[in-house]
Amino acid sequence: MSLVAIARKDFQETVRSRGMIALVVLFSLLVAAFAFAVRPTAESEQFATEVLLSVFIGPFLVTTLVPLVGVVVGYNAVSGERESGSLKLLLSLPHSRADVVFGKVVGRGAALALAVFAGFLLPALVLIAAPVVFNGGAFLGYTVFAAALGVVFVSIAVGFSAASSTQRRALIGGVAIYVLFVLLWGAVTGRLVGAAGPLVDALPVSATQLRVFLRVSNPTTAVEALSNAFLGEQLFSGETANRQLSAAAMLVFWTLAPPLAGLLKFDADDL
C-alpha cells in the first residue's frame, strides 16, 4: 500500500495546485476556440467532430501542449524532494524507492489525465447542448488518447527526475526529450535512415518498414496513429492494424521503461 499512499498524496497535491487549475482553464478555452472555428454553417447542422479533433485539436493542442505539460508536471517529482531534503524523510517511512518512483508516476499521471478530461469536458457539454449533431463518443474516446499521451510524458519526466540529483538536470533531460519527440523526430530519423543506407539494406526489413517503425516509436505519433484510426472507426483493424499494435506497444514501453531506468540509477545513489 506504500505506492498507493504516495500516489494519493502526489495526486491530491498536483490537482490542488494553481498550475493545474490554470491548465484546465487553458484547455477549455483552446478547445472551445477550435470548436468555434469549425462550427457548422447555417445550411448544415452537422458538426465536424472528427475534423475538430484530428486537424485542429490534435496537432495544435494534444501533440504539442500535452507532452510539454507532462514534462513540467513530472520533472521535479523526485529531484525536487531530493533537493529540499524531504526525500530522506519520505524514505524513512515504510516506502521503498520503487514505491516513490512509481507512486509519483501514478499520482501525477492521474492528475494530468484528470486535468485533460476536465479541460475537454466543458466544451463537450456546450456542444452536446447546442443544436448541432455532435459525435460525443468520438470526442470522449479522443480525450482518452490525449490523456494517455500526457501520462507517457509524465512517466518519462519522472524517470529523468529519479535519475537526476538536481531539478535543473531533470528539467533539461525532460525538455530535451520533448524537443526530440515533438520537434525534431522526423528530421532526425529521416537522416538516420538515409545515412545508414548500406546497413539498412542488410536488414531483413525495407527502408519503408524501418521508417514506419521509427515513426510509431515516437509516443506523439503513436497516439496520433491510434487516435486517427479510432476516429476512422478502424482501431486495431484494417490495413494499419499491425502499425497500431506497434504504436500501442511503444506507448506501454515509454510508460514503463523511463521510470525503471531512473529507478536503477536512483537505487545506486547514496542520498
Protein backbone atom coordinates (compact mmCIF):
# COMPACT_ATOMS: atom_id res chain seq x y z
CA MET A 1 0.00 0.00 0.00
CA SER A 2 3.04 2.31 0.18
CA LEU A 3 2.89 3.01 -3.54
CA VAL A 4 -0.83 3.82 -3.26
CA ALA A 5 -0.18 6.22 -0.37
CA ILE A 6 2.48 8.11 -2.31
CA ALA A 7 0.30 8.17 -5.43
CA ARG A 8 -2.66 9.53 -3.46
CA LYS A 9 -0.52 12.25 -1.85
CA ASP A 10 1.00 13.37 -5.15
CA PHE A 11 -2.36 13.26 -6.90
CA GLN A 12 -4.02 15.47 -4.29
CA GLU A 13 -1.16 17.98 -4.22
CA THR A 14 -0.98 18.20 -8.01
CA VAL A 15 -4.74 18.55 -8.51
CA ARG A 16 -4.93 21.34 -5.94
CA SER A 17 -2.06 23.33 -7.45
CA ARG A 18 -2.76 26.62 -9.17
CA GLY A 19 -0.90 25.42 -12.24
CA MET A 20 -3.26 22.51 -12.73
CA ILE A 21 -6.32 24.73 -12.34
CA ALA A 22 -4.84 27.11 -14.90
CA LEU A 23 -4.21 24.16 -17.20
CA VAL A 24 -7.86 23.09 -17.06
CA VAL A 25 -8.96 26.63 -17.90
CA LEU A 26 -6.45 26.84 -20.75
CA PHE A 27 -7.58 23.52 -22.22
CA SER A 28 -11.21 24.53 -22.05
CA LEU A 29 -10.58 27.88 -23.72
CA LEU A 30 -8.46 26.39 -26.50
CA VAL A 31 -10.84 23.51 -27.23
CA ALA A 32 -13.75 25.96 -27.24
CA ALA A 33 -11.87 28.27 -29.62
CA PHE A 34 -11.14 25.45 -32.03
CA ALA A 35 -14.74 24.24 -31.80
CA PHE A 36 -15.94 27.74 -32.67
CA ALA A 37 -13.59 27.76 -35.67
CA VAL A 38 -15.18 24.63 -37.16
CA ARG A 39 -18.77 25.39 -36.18
CA PRO A 40 -21.36 24.35 -38.81
CA THR A 41 -22.73 26.83 -41.29
CA ALA A 42 -26.35 27.93 -41.28
CA GLU A 43 -27.09 25.46 -44.08
CA SER A 44 -25.99 22.44 -42.07
CA GLU A 45 -26.39 21.23 -38.51
CA GLN A 46 -23.66 18.55 -38.87
CA PHE A 47 -20.76 19.37 -36.56
CA ALA A 48 -17.40 18.20 -37.93
CA THR A 49 -16.24 16.44 -34.74
CA GLU A 50 -13.55 14.36 -36.46
CA VAL A 51 -12.15 17.43 -38.23
CA LEU A 52 -12.09 19.35 -34.97
CA LEU A 53 -10.10 16.58 -33.27
CA SER A 54 -7.71 15.38 -35.97
CA VAL A 55 -7.00 18.67 -37.77
CA PHE A 56 -7.27 21.34 -35.09
CA ILE A 57 -7.05 19.96 -31.56
CA GLY A 58 -4.60 17.15 -32.36
CA PRO A 59 -1.68 18.99 -33.97
CA PHE A 60 -2.10 22.29 -32.15
CA LEU A 61 -3.04 21.12 -28.67
CA VAL A 62 -2.65 17.43 -27.91
CA THR A 63 0.67 16.54 -29.57
CA THR A 64 2.27 19.89 -28.72
CA LEU A 65 0.93 21.16 -25.40
CA VAL A 66 0.09 17.94 -23.55
CA PRO A 67 3.65 16.49 -23.73
CA LEU A 68 5.10 19.79 -22.51
CA VAL A 69 2.72 19.85 -19.57
CA GLY A 70 3.63 16.23 -18.80
CA VAL A 71 7.31 17.20 -18.58
CA VAL A 72 6.51 20.16 -16.31
CA VAL A 73 4.34 18.03 -14.03
CA GLY A 74 6.89 15.25 -13.66
CA TYR A 75 10.40 16.69 -13.79
CA ASN A 76 10.63 17.68 -10.10
CA ALA A 77 8.77 14.65 -8.72
CA VAL A 78 11.85 13.03 -7.14
CA SER A 79 14.64 15.54 -7.75
CA GLY A 80 12.63 18.31 -6.09
CA GLU A 81 12.22 16.29 -2.91
CA ARG A 82 15.88 15.30 -3.06
CA GLU A 83 16.98 18.95 -3.19
CA SER A 84 14.61 20.00 -0.41
CA GLY A 85 15.69 17.14 1.85
CA SER A 86 12.16 15.75 2.20
CA LEU A 87 13.12 12.62 0.24
CA LYS A 88 15.13 11.27 3.20
CA LEU A 89 12.11 11.74 5.44
CA LEU A 90 9.90 10.01 2.87
CA LEU A 91 12.25 7.03 2.65
CA SER A 92 12.46 6.80 6.44
CA LEU A 93 8.82 5.73 6.33
CA PRO A 94 7.90 2.22 5.10
CA HIS A 95 8.33 3.24 1.44
CA SER A 96 10.82 1.66 -0.95
CA ARG A 97 12.49 3.68 -3.69
CA ALA A 98 10.37 1.83 -6.24
CA ASP A 99 7.26 2.94 -4.32
CA VAL A 100 8.44 6.53 -4.56
CA VAL A 101 9.18 6.47 -8.29
CA PHE A 102 6.11 4.58 -9.47
CA GLY A 103 3.84 6.18 -6.89
CA LYS A 104 4.72 9.57 -8.33
CA VAL A 105 4.18 8.31 -11.87
CA VAL A 106 0.71 7.07 -10.93
CA GLY A 107 -0.26 10.11 -8.84
CA ARG A 108 0.96 12.82 -11.19
CA GLY A 109 -0.11 10.93 -14.30
CA ALA A 110 -3.62 10.56 -12.90
CA ALA A 111 -3.71 14.26 -12.02
CA LEU A 112 -2.73 15.28 -15.55
CA ALA A 113 -5.23 12.84 -17.06
CA LEU A 114 -7.95 14.34 -14.87
CA ALA A 115 -6.96 17.84 -15.99
CA VAL A 116 -7.17 16.81 -19.65
CA PHE A 117 -10.63 15.30 -19.16
CA ALA A 118 -11.82 18.34 -17.22
CA GLY A 119 -10.43 20.69 -19.85
CA PHE A 120 -12.27 18.85 -22.62
CA LEU A 121 -15.47 18.44 -20.60
CA LEU A 122 -16.90 21.96 -20.65
CA PRO A 123 -16.63 22.45 -24.43
CA ALA A 124 -18.14 18.99 -24.91
CA LEU A 125 -21.12 19.83 -22.71
CA VAL A 126 -21.67 23.05 -24.64
CA LEU A 127 -21.52 21.21 -27.96
CA ILE A 128 -23.90 18.49 -26.73
CA ALA A 129 -26.39 21.15 -25.64
CA ALA A 130 -26.05 23.08 -28.91
CA PRO A 131 -28.50 22.44 -31.78
CA VAL A 132 -25.92 20.50 -33.82
CA VAL A 133 -25.15 16.84 -34.50
CA PHE A 134 -22.12 16.32 -32.26
CA ASN A 135 -20.27 12.99 -32.01
CA GLY A 136 -19.78 12.77 -28.24
CA GLY A 137 -18.38 9.22 -28.39
CA ALA A 138 -15.58 10.23 -30.75
CA PHE A 139 -14.82 13.27 -28.60
CA LEU A 140 -14.63 11.23 -25.38
CA GLY A 141 -12.54 8.49 -26.98
CA TYR A 142 -10.08 11.01 -28.38
CA THR A 143 -9.76 12.55 -24.91
CA VAL A 144 -8.61 9.16 -23.61
CA PHE A 145 -5.75 9.16 -26.13
CA ALA A 146 -4.83 12.73 -25.19
CA ALA A 147 -4.73 11.78 -21.51
CA ALA A 148 -2.64 8.68 -22.29
CA LEU A 149 -0.06 10.83 -24.08
CA GLY A 150 0.15 13.08 -21.03
CA VAL A 151 0.74 10.08 -18.76
CA VAL A 152 3.55 8.85 -21.03
CA PHE A 153 5.41 12.16 -20.80
CA VAL A 154 4.85 12.35 -17.04
CA SER A 155 6.42 8.90 -16.83
CA ILE A 156 9.40 9.98 -18.94
CA ALA A 157 9.89 13.12 -16.84
CA VAL A 158 9.66 11.20 -13.56
CA GLY A 159 12.27 8.79 -14.91
CA PHE A 160 14.64 11.69 -15.51
CA SER A 161 13.75 13.10 -12.10
CA ALA A 162 14.62 9.84 -10.36
CA ALA A 163 17.95 9.62 -12.17
CA SER A 164 18.93 13.27 -11.57
CA SER A 165 20.43 14.80 -8.46
CA THR A 166 19.01 18.26 -9.21
CA GLN A 167 15.80 19.67 -10.65
CA ARG A 168 17.78 21.50 -13.32
CA ARG A 169 19.23 18.28 -14.73
CA ALA A 170 15.83 16.60 -14.65
CA LEU A 171 14.26 19.56 -16.46
CA ILE A 172 17.00 19.61 -19.11
CA GLY A 173 16.50 15.90 -19.75
CA GLY A 174 12.73 16.21 -19.97
CA VAL A 175 12.86 19.22 -22.27
CA ALA A 176 15.45 17.51 -24.48
CA ILE A 177 13.12 14.52 -24.92
CA TYR A 178 10.23 16.87 -25.65
CA VAL A 179 12.22 18.70 -28.33
CA LEU A 180 13.34 15.41 -29.86
CA PHE A 181 9.91 13.79 -29.96
CA VAL A 182 7.77 16.83 -30.78
CA LEU A 183 10.03 19.00 -32.95
CA LEU A 184 12.92 17.00 -34.37
CA TRP A 185 11.89 13.35 -34.63
CA GLY A 186 11.03 13.32 -38.32
CA ALA A 187 14.23 15.10 -39.37
CA VAL A 188 16.48 13.06 -37.08
CA THR A 189 15.07 9.65 -38.05
CA GLY A 190 14.99 10.60 -41.74
CA ARG A 191 18.67 11.47 -41.73
CA LEU A 192 19.47 8.38 -39.66
CA VAL A 193 17.82 6.04 -42.15
CA GLY A 194 19.42 7.89 -45.06
CA ALA A 195 22.93 7.79 -43.55
CA ALA A 196 22.61 4.11 -42.67
CA GLY A 197 21.56 3.10 -46.19
CA PRO A 198 24.00 0.16 -46.65
CA LEU A 199 23.25 -1.13 -43.17
CA VAL A 200 19.51 -0.87 -43.77
CA ASP A 201 19.87 -2.86 -46.98
CA ALA A 202 21.43 -5.69 -44.98
CA LEU A 203 18.48 -5.85 -42.58
CA PRO A 204 15.54 -8.22 -43.16
CA VAL A 205 13.23 -5.18 -43.41
CA SER A 206 12.87 -2.49 -46.03
CA ALA A 207 13.72 1.16 -45.50
CA THR A 208 10.00 1.96 -45.64
CA GLN A 209 9.22 -0.53 -42.87
CA LEU A 210 12.03 0.90 -40.77
CA ARG A 211 10.68 4.42 -41.23
CA VAL A 212 7.22 3.25 -40.15
CA PHE A 213 8.69 1.61 -37.04
CA LEU A 214 10.67 4.71 -36.15
CA ARG A 215 7.54 6.79 -36.64
CA VAL A 216 5.41 4.78 -34.21
CA SER A 217 8.35 4.62 -31.78
CA ASN A 218 7.63 8.27 -31.03
CA PRO A 219 4.81 8.42 -28.44
CA THR A 220 3.30 11.54 -30.03
CA THR A 221 2.99 9.97 -33.48
CA ALA A 222 1.94 6.66 -31.90
CA VAL A 223 -1.00 8.39 -30.24
CA GLU A 224 -1.72 10.22 -33.48
CA ALA A 225 -1.87 6.92 -35.40
CA LEU A 226 -4.15 5.30 -32.82
CA SER A 227 -6.48 8.28 -32.44
CA ASN A 228 -6.84 8.76 -36.20
CA ALA A 229 -7.67 5.06 -36.58
CA PHE A 230 -10.22 5.42 -33.78
CA LEU A 231 -11.85 8.41 -35.43
CA GLY A 232 -11.93 6.48 -38.69
CA GLU A 233 -13.60 3.55 -36.89
CA GLN A 234 -10.68 1.26 -37.72
CA LEU A 235 -8.97 0.92 -34.34
CA PHE A 236 -6.83 -2.26 -34.44
CA SER A 237 -8.41 -3.27 -37.73
CA GLY A 238 -7.92 -2.62 -41.41
CA GLU A 239 -4.63 -2.30 -43.29
CA THR A 240 -2.88 -0.45 -40.46
CA ALA A 241 -3.74 -2.89 -37.67
CA ASN A 242 -0.13 -4.08 -37.24
CA ARG A 243 1.11 -0.49 -37.18
CA GLN A 244 -1.44 0.33 -34.50
CA LEU A 245 -0.39 -2.65 -32.39
CA SER A 246 3.22 -1.47 -32.63
CA ALA A 247 2.14 2.03 -31.64
CA ALA A 248 0.26 0.70 -28.59
CA ALA A 249 3.27 -1.41 -27.59
CA MET A 250 5.55 1.63 -27.82
CA LEU A 251 3.23 3.63 -25.57
CA VAL A 252 3.46 0.88 -22.96
CA PHE A 253 7.25 0.84 -23.39
CA TRP A 254 7.62 4.61 -22.87
CA THR A 255 5.35 4.45 -19.83
CA LEU A 256 7.40 1.74 -18.09
CA ALA A 257 10.99 1.98 -19.35
CA PRO A 258 11.96 5.52 -18.24
CA PRO A 259 10.83 5.06 -14.60
CA LEU A 260 12.59 1.69 -14.48
CA ALA A 261 15.79 3.19 -15.87
CA GLY A 262 15.53 6.10 -13.45
CA LEU A 263 14.92 3.68 -10.58
CA LEU A 264 18.13 1.77 -11.39
CA LYS A 265 20.13 4.99 -11.07
CA PHE A 266 18.11 6.09 -8.04
CA ASP A 267 18.77 2.78 -6.25
CA ALA A 268 22.51 3.18 -6.80
CA ASP A 269 22.64 6.75 -5.46
CA ASP A 270 23.77 7.47 -1.92
CA LEU A 271 21.39 10.09 -0.55
